[in-house]
């Protein structure tokens, strides 16, 4: 069976693909969102927040570490189907993760760190 491909569409076009690392971060964002869901009991939300943090830890050790090695080696073109350069991936990861961590801190601060001040 041959896949249906519209005439003139090049499947080699990087614009057709989602970056693997950024896609993974969006998955982890969904884990973070579970930690912010008020219908989920507090202890379960804290567990989701711990899973989110653990996932990020592994992500930085494995995937970000690999991207940093590519940048250090002077690799200018991404190896994924989207061909995003490693340096750009690192910049986008940094922006996304900073926002997500801020959201995670904001989500748990009122519950865990309320001092009345």
PDB file of N, CA and C in Angstrom:
ATOM      1  N   UNK A   1       0.853  -1.184   0.000  1.00  0.00           N
ATOM      2  CA  UNK A   1       0.000   0.000   0.000  1.00  0.00           C
ATOM      3  C   UNK A   1       0.892   1.238   0.000  1.00  0.00           C
ATOM      4  N   UNK A   2       0.623   2.151  -0.887  1.00  0.00           N
ATOM      5  CA  UNK A   2       1.411   3.372  -1.008  1.00  0.00           C
ATOM      6  C   UNK A   2       0.708   4.499  -0.260  1.00  0.00           C
ATOM      7  N   UNK A   3       1.476   5.274   0.553  1.00  0.00           N
ATOM      8  CA  UNK A   3       0.846   6.387   1.271  1.00  0.00           C
ATOM      9  C   UNK A   3       0.353   7.452   0.299  1.00  0.00           C
ATOM     10  N   UNK A   4      -0.721   8.125   0.701  1.00  0.00           N
ATOM     11  CA  UNK A   4      -1.275   9.211  -0.099  1.00  0.00           C
ATOM     12  C   UNK A   4      -0.443  10.462   0.116  1.00  0.00           C
ATOM     13  N   UNK A   5       0.273  10.911  -0.905  1.00  0.00           N
ATOM     14  CA  UNK A   5       1.072  12.124  -0.832  1.00  0.00           C
ATOM     15  C   UNK A   5       0.587  13.054  -1.933  1.00  0.00           C
ATOM     16  N   UNK A   6       0.217  14.265  -1.529  1.00  0.00           N
ATOM     17  CA  UNK A   6      -0.265  15.234  -2.511  1.00  0.00           C
ATOM     18  C   UNK A   6       0.840  15.539  -3.517  1.00  0.00           C
ATOM     19  N   UNK A   7       0.441  15.713  -4.746  1.00  0.00           N
ATOM     20  CA  UNK A   7       1.406  16.012  -5.807  1.00  0.00           C
ATOM     21  C   UNK A   7       2.139  17.308  -5.480  1.00  0.00           C
ATOM     22  N   UNK A   8       3.436  17.285  -5.647  1.00  0.00           N
ATOM     23  CA  UNK A   8       4.236  18.482  -5.420  1.00  0.00           C
ATOM     24  C   UNK A   8       4.660  18.693  -3.978  1.00  0.00           C
ATOM     25  N   UNK A   9       4.239  17.837  -3.064  1.00  0.00           N
ATOM     26  CA  UNK A   9       4.636  17.970  -1.659  1.00  0.00           C
ATOM     27  C   UNK A   9       5.899  17.151  -1.440  1.00  0.00           C
ATOM     28  N   UNK A  10       6.931  17.830  -0.984  1.00  0.00           N
ATOM     29  CA  UNK A  10       8.196  17.152  -0.708  1.00  0.00           C
ATOM     30  C   UNK A  10       8.237  16.749   0.758  1.00  0.00           C
ATOM     31  N   UNK A  11       8.322  15.462   1.012  1.00  0.00           N
ATOM     32  CA  UNK A  11       8.383  14.994   2.394  1.00  0.00           C
ATOM     33  C   UNK A  11       9.736  15.285   3.026  1.00  0.00           C
ATOM     34  N   UNK A  12      10.635  15.846   2.253  1.00  0.00           N
ATOM     35  CA  UNK A  12      11.948  16.237   2.758  1.00  0.00           C
ATOM     36  C   UNK A  12      11.928  17.670   3.305  1.00  0.00           C
ATOM     37  N   UNK A  13      10.783  18.327   3.248  1.00  0.00           N
ATOM     38  CA  UNK A  13      10.648  19.708   3.717  1.00  0.00           C
ATOM     39  C   UNK A  13      10.678  19.746   5.246  1.00  0.00           C
ATOM     40  N   UNK A  14      11.683  20.410   5.844  1.00  0.00           N
ATOM     41  CA  UNK A  14      11.793  20.459   7.307  1.00  0.00           C
ATOM     42  C   UNK A  14      10.587  21.106   7.986  1.00  0.00           C
ATOM     43  N   UNK A  15       9.872  21.967   7.293  1.00  0.00           N
ATOM     44  CA  UNK A  15       8.714  22.648   7.875  1.00  0.00           C
ATOM     45  C   UNK A  15       7.584  21.672   8.207  1.00  0.00           C
ATOM     46  N   UNK A  16       7.621  20.480   7.633  1.00  0.00           N
ATOM     47  CA  UNK A  16       6.573  19.485   7.885  1.00  0.00           C
ATOM     48  C   UNK A  16       6.771  18.737   9.203  1.00  0.00           C
ATOM     49  N   UNK A  17       7.901  18.959   9.863  1.00  0.00           N
ATOM     50  CA  UNK A  17       8.244  18.144  11.027  1.00  0.00           C
ATOM     51  C   UNK A  17       8.385  18.981  12.294  1.00  0.00           C
ATOM     52  N   UNK A  18       8.120  18.355  13.405  1.00  0.00           N
ATOM     53  CA  UNK A  18       8.229  18.967  14.724  1.00  0.00           C
ATOM     54  C   UNK A  18       9.555  18.533  15.327  1.00  0.00           C
ATOM     55  N   UNK A  19      10.239  19.454  15.959  1.00  0.00           N
ATOM     56  CA  UNK A  19      11.514  19.146  16.581  1.00  0.00           C
ATOM     57  C   UNK A  19      11.318  18.146  17.718  1.00  0.00           C
ATOM     58  N   UNK A  20      12.155  17.135  17.753  1.00  0.00           N
ATOM     59  CA  UNK A  20      12.048  16.056  18.731  1.00  0.00           C
ATOM     60  C   UNK A  20      12.173  16.572  20.171  1.00  0.00           C
ATOM     61  N   UNK A  21      13.144  17.449  20.410  1.00  0.00           N
ATOM     62  CA  UNK A  21      13.375  17.931  21.773  1.00  0.00           C
ATOM     63  C   UNK A  21      12.228  18.831  22.243  1.00  0.00           C
ATOM     64  N   UNK A  22      11.775  19.711  21.360  1.00  0.00           N
ATOM     65  CA  UNK A  22      10.679  20.608  21.734  1.00  0.00           C
ATOM     66  C   UNK A  22       9.370  19.840  21.906  1.00  0.00           C
ATOM     67  N   UNK A  23       9.196  18.795  21.124  1.00  0.00           N
ATOM     68  CA  UNK A  23       8.024  17.938  21.280  1.00  0.00           C
ATOM     69  C   UNK A  23       8.049  17.239  22.642  1.00  0.00           C
ATOM     70  N   UNK A  24       9.222  16.781  23.031  1.00  0.00           N
ATOM     71  CA  UNK A  24       9.357  16.115  24.329  1.00  0.00           C
ATOM     72  C   UNK A  24       9.034  17.096  25.459  1.00  0.00           C
ATOM     73  N   UNK A  25       9.491  18.345  25.311  1.00  0.00           N
ATOM     74  CA  UNK A  25       9.181  19.350  26.340  1.00  0.00           C
ATOM     75  C   UNK A  25       7.682  19.602  26.432  1.00  0.00           C
ATOM     76  N   UNK A  26       6.979  19.555  25.306  1.00  0.00           N
ATOM     77  CA  UNK A  26       5.521  19.735  25.339  1.00  0.00           C
ATOM     78  C   UNK A  26       4.849  18.563  26.061  1.00  0.00           C
ATOM     79  N   UNK A  27       5.394  17.366  25.896  1.00  0.00           N
ATOM     80  CA  UNK A  27       4.894  16.235  26.678  1.00  0.00           C
ATOM     81  C   UNK A  27       5.080  16.523  28.167  1.00  0.00           C
ATOM     82  N   UNK A  28       6.262  16.984  28.536  1.00  0.00           N
ATOM     83  CA  UNK A  28       6.517  17.244  29.952  1.00  0.00           C
ATOM     84  C   UNK A  28       5.666  18.411  30.456  1.00  0.00           C
ATOM     85  N   UNK A  29       5.284  19.330  29.563  1.00  0.00           N
ATOM     86  CA  UNK A  29       4.378  20.407  29.962  1.00  0.00           C
ATOM     87  C   UNK A  29       3.030  19.830  30.402  1.00  0.00           C
ATOM     88  N   UNK A  30       2.590  18.769  29.727  1.00  0.00           N
ATOM     89  CA  UNK A  30       1.322  18.138  30.110  1.00  0.00           C
ATOM     90  C   UNK A  30       1.427  17.514  31.502  1.00  0.00           C
ATOM     91  N   UNK A  31       2.598  16.994  31.840  1.00  0.00           N
ATOM     92  CA  UNK A  31       2.817  16.478  33.199  1.00  0.00           C
ATOM     93  C   UNK A  31       2.725  17.641  34.188  1.00  0.00           C
ATOM     94  N   UNK A  32       3.356  18.751  33.850  1.00  0.00           N
ATOM     95  CA  UNK A  32       3.295  19.950  34.704  1.00  0.00           C
ATOM     96  C   UNK A  32       1.854  20.425  34.868  1.00  0.00           C
ATOM     97  N   UNK A  33       1.084  20.402  33.797  1.00  0.00           N
ATOM     98  CA  UNK A  33      -0.307  20.834  33.868  1.00  0.00           C
ATOM     99  C   UNK A  33      -1.117  19.971  34.826  1.00  0.00           C
ATOM    100  N   UNK A  34      -0.792  18.684  34.901  1.00  0.00           N
ATOM    101  CA  UNK A  34      -1.472  17.818  35.878  1.00  0.00           C
ATOM    102  C   UNK A  34      -1.185  18.299  37.298  1.00  0.00           C
ATOM    103  N   UNK A  35       0.002  18.830  37.521  1.00  0.00           N
ATOM    104  CA  UNK A  35       0.351  19.323  38.858  1.00  0.00           C
ATOM    105  C   UNK A  35      -0.387  20.614  39.199  1.00  0.00           C
ATOM    106  N   UNK A  36      -0.986  21.243  38.211  1.00  0.00           N
ATOM    107  CA  UNK A  36      -1.711  22.494  38.414  1.00  0.00           C
ATOM    108  C   UNK A  36      -3.222  22.308  38.424  1.00  0.00           C
ATOM    109  N   UNK A  37      -3.668  21.097  38.186  1.00  0.00           N
ATOM    110  CA  UNK A  37      -5.106  20.807  38.106  1.00  0.00           C
ATOM    111  C   UNK A  37      -5.711  20.767  39.504  1.00  0.00           C
ATOM    112  N   UNK A  38      -6.573  21.724  39.799  1.00  0.00           N
ATOM    113  CA  UNK A  38      -7.176  21.844  41.140  1.00  0.00           C
ATOM    114  C   UNK A  38      -8.109  20.678  41.485  1.00  0.00           C
ATOM    115  N   UNK A  39      -8.534  19.907  40.466  1.00  0.00           N
ATOM    116  CA  UNK A  39      -9.404  18.762  40.751  1.00  0.00           C
ATOM    117  C   UNK A  39      -8.603  17.546  41.218  1.00  0.00           C
ATOM    118  N   UNK A  40      -7.281  17.621  41.094  1.00  0.00           N
ATOM    119  CA  UNK A  40      -6.398  16.531  41.524  1.00  0.00           C
ATOM    120  C   UNK A  40      -5.993  16.799  42.972  1.00  0.00           C
ATOM    121  N   UNK A  41      -6.042  15.793  43.849  1.00  0.00           N
ATOM    122  CA  UNK A  41      -5.645  15.996  45.251  1.00  0.00           C
ATOM    123  C   UNK A  41      -4.210  16.545  45.353  1.00  0.00           C
ATOM    124  N   UNK A  42      -3.959  17.328  46.399  1.00  0.00           N
ATOM    125  CA  UNK A  42      -2.691  18.020  46.566  1.00  0.00           C
ATOM    126  C   UNK A  42      -1.478  17.080  46.498  1.00  0.00           C
ATOM    127  N   UNK A  43      -1.530  15.949  47.195  1.00  0.00           N
ATOM    128  CA  UNK A  43      -0.392  15.035  47.187  1.00  0.00           C
ATOM    129  C   UNK A  43      -0.118  14.514  45.778  1.00  0.00           C
ATOM    130  N   UNK A  44      -1.174  14.234  45.028  1.00  0.00           N
ATOM    131  CA  UNK A  44      -0.995  13.774  43.652  1.00  0.00           C
ATOM    132  C   UNK A  44      -0.391  14.879  42.788  1.00  0.00           C
ATOM    133  N   UNK A  45      -0.808  16.124  43.016  1.00  0.00           N
ATOM    134  CA  UNK A  45      -0.229  17.238  42.262  1.00  0.00           C
ATOM    135  C   UNK A  45       1.261  17.373  42.553  1.00  0.00           C
ATOM    136  N   UNK A  46       1.628  17.190  43.819  1.00  0.00           N
ATOM    137  CA  UNK A  46       3.048  17.258  44.174  1.00  0.00           C
ATOM    138  C   UNK A  46       3.827  16.119  43.525  1.00  0.00           C
ATOM    139  N   UNK A  47       3.202  14.952  43.408  1.00  0.00           N
ATOM    140  CA  UNK A  47       3.856  13.833  42.718  1.00  0.00           C
ATOM    141  C   UNK A  47       4.092  14.164  41.245  1.00  0.00           C
ATOM    142  N   UNK A  48       3.085  14.776  40.595  1.00  0.00           N
ATOM    143  CA  UNK A  48       3.258  15.174  39.199  1.00  0.00           C
ATOM    144  C   UNK A  48       4.372  16.208  39.070  1.00  0.00           C
ATOM    145  N   UNK A  49       4.461  17.113  40.034  1.00  0.00           N
ATOM    146  CA  UNK A  49       5.528  18.105  40.009  1.00  0.00           C
ATOM    147  C   UNK A  49       6.893  17.430  40.156  1.00  0.00           C
ATOM    148  N   UNK A  50       6.984  16.408  40.998  1.00  0.00           N
ATOM    149  CA  UNK A  50       8.236  15.663  41.158  1.00  0.00           C
ATOM    150  C   UNK A  50       8.585  14.903  39.875  1.00  0.00           C
ATOM    151  N   UNK A  51       7.586  14.330  39.223  1.00  0.00           N
ATOM    152  CA  UNK A  51       7.821  13.631  37.951  1.00  0.00           C
ATOM    153  C   UNK A  51       8.317  14.627  36.902  1.00  0.00           C
ATOM    154  N   UNK A  52       7.685  15.790  36.846  1.00  0.00           N
ATOM    155  CA  UNK A  52       8.104  16.848  35.930  1.00  0.00           C
ATOM    156  C   UNK A  52       9.578  17.196  36.145  1.00  0.00           C
ATOM    157  N   UNK A  53       9.969  17.393  37.397  1.00  0.00           N
ATOM    158  CA  UNK A  53      11.357  17.760  37.714  1.00  0.00           C
ATOM    159  C   UNK A  53      12.321  16.628  37.370  1.00  0.00           C
ATOM    160  N   UNK A  54      11.938  15.404  37.663  1.00  0.00           N
ATOM    161  CA  UNK A  54      12.784  14.248  37.353  1.00  0.00           C
ATOM    162  C   UNK A  54      12.954  14.096  35.840  1.00  0.00           C
ATOM    163  N   UNK A  55      11.871  14.280  35.108  1.00  0.00           N
ATOM    164  CA  UNK A  55      11.936  14.215  33.648  1.00  0.00           C
ATOM    165  C   UNK A  55      12.896  15.271  33.094  1.00  0.00           C
ATOM    166  N   UNK A  56      12.805  16.504  33.640  1.00  0.00           N
ATOM    167  CA  UNK A  56      13.686  17.569  33.179  1.00  0.00           C
ATOM    168  C   UNK A  56      15.145  17.245  33.471  1.00  0.00           C
ATOM    169  N   UNK A  57      15.388  16.665  34.633  1.00  0.00           N
ATOM    170  CA  UNK A  57      16.752  16.298  35.006  1.00  0.00           C
ATOM    171  C   UNK A  57      17.349  15.345  33.970  1.00  0.00           C
ATOM    172  N   UNK A  58      16.616  14.307  33.637  1.00  0.00           N
ATOM    173  CA  UNK A  58      17.097  13.339  32.649  1.00  0.00           C
ATOM    174  C   UNK A  58      17.232  13.991  31.271  1.00  0.00           C
ATOM    175  N   UNK A  59      16.271  14.835  30.910  1.00  0.00           N
ATOM    176  CA  UNK A  59      16.303  15.533  29.627  1.00  0.00           C
ATOM    177  C   UNK A  59      17.587  16.343  29.484  1.00  0.00           C
ATOM    178  N   UNK A  60      17.954  17.059  30.547  1.00  0.00           N
ATOM    179  CA  UNK A  60      19.163  17.876  30.474  1.00  0.00           C
ATOM    180  C   UNK A  60      20.418  17.008  30.439  1.00  0.00           C
ATOM    181  N   UNK A  61      20.434  15.936  31.190  1.00  0.00           N
ATOM    182  CA  UNK A  61      21.623  15.073  31.191  1.00  0.00           C
ATOM    183  C   UNK A  61      21.839  14.423  29.827  1.00  0.00           C
ATOM    184  N   UNK A  62      20.774  13.962  29.200  1.00  0.00           N
ATOM    185  CA  UNK A  62      20.917  13.192  27.964  1.00  0.00           C
ATOM    186  C   UNK A  62      20.792  14.080  26.724  1.00  0.00           C
ATOM    187  N   UNK A  63      19.665  14.696  26.561  1.00  0.00           N
ATOM    188  CA  UNK A  63      19.394  15.396  25.298  1.00  0.00           C
ATOM    189  C   UNK A  63      20.096  16.743  25.195  1.00  0.00           C
ATOM    190  N   UNK A  64      20.031  17.545  26.246  1.00  0.00           N
ATOM    191  CA  UNK A  64      20.709  18.841  26.198  1.00  0.00           C
ATOM    192  C   UNK A  64      22.220  18.635  26.168  1.00  0.00           C
ATOM    193  N   UNK A  65      22.691  17.659  26.913  1.00  0.00           N
ATOM    194  CA  UNK A  65      24.120  17.346  26.875  1.00  0.00           C
ATOM    195  C   UNK A  65      24.585  16.992  25.470  1.00  0.00           C
ATOM    196  N   UNK A  66      23.792  16.216  24.764  1.00  0.00           N
ATOM    197  CA  UNK A  66      24.122  15.853  23.384  1.00  0.00           C
ATOM    198  C   UNK A  66      24.136  17.060  22.460  1.00  0.00           C
ATOM    199  N   UNK A  67      23.171  17.957  22.646  1.00  0.00           N
ATOM    200  CA  UNK A  67      23.139  19.170  21.826  1.00  0.00           C
ATOM    201  C   UNK A  67      24.347  20.062  22.115  1.00  0.00           C
ATOM    202  N   UNK A  68      24.733  20.139  23.378  1.00  0.00           N
ATOM    203  CA  UNK A  68      25.902  20.943  23.730  1.00  0.00           C
ATOM    204  C   UNK A  68      27.168  20.368  23.093  1.00  0.00           C
ATOM    205  N   UNK A  69      27.256  19.053  23.026  1.00  0.00           N
ATOM    206  CA  UNK A  69      28.406  18.425  22.372  1.00  0.00           C
ATOM    207  C   UNK A  69      28.418  18.756  20.881  1.00  0.00           C
ATOM    208  N   UNK A  70      27.240  18.770  20.262  1.00  0.00           N
ATOM    209  CA  UNK A  70      27.166  19.113  18.837  1.00  0.00           C
ATOM    210  C   UNK A  70      27.599  20.558  18.591  1.00  0.00           C
ATOM    211  N   UNK A  71      27.157  21.471  19.458  1.00  0.00           N
ATOM    212  CA  UNK A  71      27.547  22.871  19.317  1.00  0.00           C
ATOM    213  C   UNK A  71      29.060  23.003  19.481  1.00  0.00           C
ATOM    214  N   UNK A  72      29.613  22.326  20.493  1.00  0.00           N
ATOM    215  CA  UNK A  72      31.062  22.381  20.733  1.00  0.00           C
ATOM    216  C   UNK A  72      31.851  21.809  19.553  1.00  0.00           C
ATOM    217  N   UNK A  73      31.265  20.835  18.868  1.00  0.00           N
ATOM    218  CA  UNK A  73      31.937  20.219  17.721  1.00  0.00           C
ATOM    219  C   UNK A  73      31.730  21.016  16.438  1.00  0.00           C
ATOM    220  N   UNK A  74      30.955  22.082  16.519  1.00  0.00           N
ATOM    221  CA  UNK A  74      30.737  22.918  15.346  1.00  0.00           C
ATOM    222  C   UNK A  74      29.684  22.415  14.387  1.00  0.00           C
ATOM    223  N   UNK A  75      28.813  21.532  14.853  1.00  0.00           N
ATOM    224  CA  UNK A  75      27.735  21.020  13.996  1.00  0.00           C
ATOM    225  C   UNK A  75      26.714  22.139  13.816  1.00  0.00           C
ATOM    226  N   UNK A  76      26.484  22.540  12.582  1.00  0.00           N
ATOM    227  CA  UNK A  76      25.594  23.662  12.310  1.00  0.00           C
ATOM    228  C   UNK A  76      24.201  23.274  11.884  1.00  0.00           C
ATOM    229  N   UNK A  77      24.022  22.038  11.463  1.00  0.00           N
ATOM    230  CA  UNK A  77      22.710  21.595  10.970  1.00  0.00           C
ATOM    231  C   UNK A  77      22.201  20.470  11.859  1.00  0.00           C
ATOM    232  N   UNK A  78      20.944  20.570  12.219  1.00  0.00           N
ATOM    233  CA  UNK A  78      20.339  19.538  13.043  1.00  0.00           C
ATOM    234  C   UNK A  78      20.235  18.214  12.318  1.00  0.00           C
ATOM    235  N   UNK A  79      20.275  17.143  13.071  1.00  0.00           N
ATOM    236  CA  UNK A  79      20.213  15.813  12.464  1.00  0.00           C
ATOM    237  C   UNK A  79      18.793  15.283  12.348  1.00  0.00           C
ATOM    238  N   UNK A  80      17.827  15.956  12.980  1.00  0.00           N
ATOM    239  CA  UNK A  80      16.442  15.513  12.897  1.00  0.00           C
ATOM    240  C   UNK A  80      15.800  15.918  11.588  1.00  0.00           C
ATOM    241  N   UNK A  81      14.605  15.431  11.367  1.00  0.00           N
ATOM    242  CA  UNK A  81      13.885  15.725  10.123  1.00  0.00           C
ATOM    243  C   UNK A  81      13.588  17.218   9.980  1.00  0.00           C
ATOM    244  N   UNK A  82      13.501  17.933  11.093  1.00  0.00           N
ATOM    245  CA  UNK A  82      13.226  19.372  11.041  1.00  0.00           C
ATOM    246  C   UNK A  82      14.486  20.196  10.758  1.00  0.00           C
ATOM    247  N   UNK A  83      15.639  19.595  10.908  1.00  0.00           N
ATOM    248  CA  UNK A  83      16.951  20.201  10.620  1.00  0.00           C
ATOM    249  C   UNK A  83      17.243  21.461  11.423  1.00  0.00           C
ATOM    250  N   UNK A  84      16.604  21.618  12.582  1.00  0.00           N
ATOM    251  CA  UNK A  84      16.862  22.797  13.402  1.00  0.00           C
ATOM    252  C   UNK A  84      18.295  22.735  13.940  1.00  0.00           C
ATOM    253  N   UNK A  85      19.060  23.802  13.774  1.00  0.00           N
ATOM    254  CA  UNK A  85      20.439  23.798  14.256  1.00  0.00           C
ATOM    255  C   UNK A  85      20.514  23.576  15.770  1.00  0.00           C
ATOM    256  N   UNK A  86      21.529  22.853  16.245  1.00  0.00           N
ATOM    257  CA  UNK A  86      21.653  22.581  17.675  1.00  0.00           C
ATOM    258  C   UNK A  86      21.640  23.841  18.539  1.00  0.00           C
ATOM    259  N   UNK A  87      22.312  24.887  18.100  1.00  0.00           N
ATOM    260  CA  UNK A  87      22.347  26.129  18.896  1.00  0.00           C
ATOM    261  C   UNK A  87      20.935  26.710  19.049  1.00  0.00           C
ATOM    262  N   UNK A  88      20.149  26.699  17.978  1.00  0.00           N
ATOM    263  CA  UNK A  88      18.771  27.200  18.045  1.00  0.00           C
ATOM    264  C   UNK A  88      17.926  26.311  18.955  1.00  0.00           C
ATOM    265  N   UNK A  89      18.144  25.010  18.885  1.00  0.00           N
ATOM    266  CA  UNK A  89      17.416  24.101  19.771  1.00  0.00           C
ATOM    267  C   UNK A  89      17.701  24.449  21.225  1.00  0.00           C
ATOM    268  N   UNK A  90      18.969  24.686  21.546  1.00  0.00           N
ATOM    269  CA  UNK A  90      19.334  25.029  22.924  1.00  0.00           C
ATOM    270  C   UNK A  90      18.668  26.333  23.364  1.00  0.00           C
ATOM    271  N   UNK A  91      18.615  27.307  22.479  1.00  0.00           N
ATOM    272  CA  UNK A  91      17.967  28.581  22.814  1.00  0.00           C
ATOM    273  C   UNK A  91      16.476  28.387  23.065  1.00  0.00           C
ATOM    274  N   UNK A  92      15.820  27.629  22.208  1.00  0.00           N
ATOM    275  CA  UNK A  92      14.379  27.393  22.360  1.00  0.00           C
ATOM    276  C   UNK A  92      14.096  26.559  23.599  1.00  0.00           C
ATOM    277  N   UNK A  93      14.958  25.575  23.875  1.00  0.00           N
ATOM    278  CA  UNK A  93      14.807  24.761  25.086  1.00  0.00           C
ATOM    279  C   UNK A  93      14.928  25.653  26.313  1.00  0.00           C
ATOM    280  N   UNK A  94      15.922  26.529  26.326  1.00  0.00           N
ATOM    281  CA  UNK A  94      16.127  27.420  27.462  1.00  0.00           C
ATOM    282  C   UNK A  94      14.896  28.278  27.727  1.00  0.00           C
ATOM    283  N   UNK A  95      14.345  28.878  26.678  1.00  0.00           N
ATOM    284  CA  UNK A  95      13.152  29.724  26.837  1.00  0.00           C
ATOM    285  C   UNK A  95      11.978  28.921  27.383  1.00  0.00           C
ATOM    286  N   UNK A  96      11.760  27.755  26.799  1.00  0.00           N
ATOM    287  CA  UNK A  96      10.616  26.929  27.178  1.00  0.00           C
ATOM    288  C   UNK A  96      10.739  26.428  28.607  1.00  0.00           C
ATOM    289  N   UNK A  97      11.920  25.939  28.959  1.00  0.00           N
ATOM    290  CA  UNK A  97      12.114  25.370  30.299  1.00  0.00           C
ATOM    291  C   UNK A  97      12.026  26.452  31.370  1.00  0.00           C
ATOM    292  N   UNK A  98      12.573  27.622  31.108  1.00  0.00           N
ATOM    293  CA  UNK A  98      12.475  28.705  32.099  1.00  0.00           C
ATOM    294  C   UNK A  98      11.011  29.034  32.395  1.00  0.00           C
ATOM    295  N   UNK A  99      10.215  29.097  31.349  1.00  0.00           N
ATOM    296  CA  UNK A  99       8.790  29.390  31.532  1.00  0.00           C
ATOM    297  C   UNK A  99       8.113  28.263  32.322  1.00  0.00           C
ATOM    298  N   UNK A 100       8.414  27.029  31.966  1.00  0.00           N
ATOM    299  CA  UNK A 100       7.783  25.894  32.637  1.00  0.00           C
ATOM    300  C   UNK A 100       8.183  25.825  34.112  1.00  0.00           C
ATOM    301  N   UNK A 101       9.441  26.061  34.415  1.00  0.00           N
ATOM    302  CA  UNK A 101       9.901  26.016  35.805  1.00  0.00           C
ATOM    303  C   UNK A 101       9.234  27.135  36.603  1.00  0.00           C
ATOM    304  N   UNK A 102       9.115  28.317  36.005  1.00  0.00           N
ATOM    305  CA  UNK A 102       8.412  29.412  36.677  1.00  0.00           C
ATOM    306  C   UNK A 102       6.972  29.020  36.991  1.00  0.00           C
ATOM    307  N   UNK A 103       6.314  28.356  36.037  1.00  0.00           N
ATOM    308  CA  UNK A 103       4.936  27.896  36.260  1.00  0.00           C
ATOM    309  C   UNK A 103       4.888  26.864  37.391  1.00  0.00           C
ATOM    310  N   UNK A 104       5.848  25.963  37.412  1.00  0.00           N
ATOM    311  CA  UNK A 104       5.896  24.938  38.460  1.00  0.00           C
ATOM    312  C   UNK A 104       6.094  25.547  39.828  1.00  0.00           C
ATOM    313  N   UNK A 105       6.972  26.535  39.922  1.00  0.00           N
ATOM    314  CA  UNK A 105       7.218  27.217  41.201  1.00  0.00           C
ATOM    315  C   UNK A 105       5.967  27.956  41.639  1.00  0.00           C
ATOM    316  N   UNK A 106       5.345  28.657  40.706  1.00  0.00           N
ATOM    317  CA  UNK A 106       4.123  29.402  41.034  1.00  0.00           C
ATOM    318  C   UNK A 106       2.999  28.465  41.474  1.00  0.00           C
ATOM    319  N   UNK A 107       2.952  27.289  40.880  1.00  0.00           N
ATOM    320  CA  UNK A 107       1.884  26.335  41.202  1.00  0.00           C
ATOM    321  C   UNK A 107       2.025  25.801  42.620  1.00  0.00           C
ATOM    322  N   UNK A 108       3.241  25.623  43.096  1.00  0.00           N
ATOM    323  CA  UNK A 108       3.392  25.001  44.420  1.00  0.00           C
ATOM    324  C   UNK A 108       3.652  26.023  45.526  1.00  0.00           C
ATOM    325  N   UNK A 109       4.083  27.216  45.188  1.00  0.00           N
ATOM    326  CA  UNK A 109       4.413  28.193  46.212  1.00  0.00           C
ATOM    327  C   UNK A 109       3.249  28.512  47.164  1.00  0.00           C
ATOM    328  N   UNK A 110       2.047  28.800  46.691  1.00  0.00           N
ATOM    329  CA  UNK A 110       0.975  29.129  47.635  1.00  0.00           C
ATOM    330  C   UNK A 110       0.629  27.977  48.577  1.00  0.00           C
ATOM    331  N   UNK A 111       0.817  26.742  48.131  1.00  0.00           N
ATOM    332  CA  UNK A 111       0.443  25.604  48.946  1.00  0.00           C
ATOM    333  C   UNK A 111       1.530  25.206  49.940  1.00  0.00           C
ATOM    334  N   UNK A 112       2.784  25.313  49.523  1.00  0.00           N
ATOM    335  CA  UNK A 112       3.883  24.812  50.344  1.00  0.00           C
ATOM    336  C   UNK A 112       4.614  25.891  51.116  1.00  0.00           C
ATOM    337  N   UNK A 113       4.559  27.115  50.637  1.00  0.00           N
ATOM    338  CA  UNK A 113       5.428  28.133  51.205  1.00  0.00           C
ATOM    339  C   UNK A 113       4.665  29.345  51.722  1.00  0.00           C
ATOM    340  N   UNK A 114       3.377  29.211  51.932  1.00  0.00           N
ATOM    341  CA  UNK A 114       2.593  30.332  52.421  1.00  0.00           C
ATOM    342  C   UNK A 114       3.029  30.662  53.845  1.00  0.00           C
ATOM    343  N   UNK A 115       3.446  31.912  54.030  1.00  0.00           N
ATOM    344  CA  UNK A 115       3.922  32.331  55.352  1.00  0.00           C
ATOM    345  C   UNK A 115       3.023  33.412  55.934  1.00  0.00           C
ATOM    346  N   UNK A 116       2.053  33.834  55.141  1.00  0.00           N
ATOM    347  CA  UNK A 116       1.165  34.880  55.624  1.00  0.00           C
ATOM    348  C   UNK A 116       1.704  36.271  55.366  1.00  0.00           C
ATOM    349  N   UNK A 117       2.868  36.378  54.723  1.00  0.00           N
ATOM    350  CA  UNK A 117       3.398  37.716  54.456  1.00  0.00           C
ATOM    351  C   UNK A 117       3.105  38.155  53.052  1.00  0.00           C
TER     352      UNK A 117
END
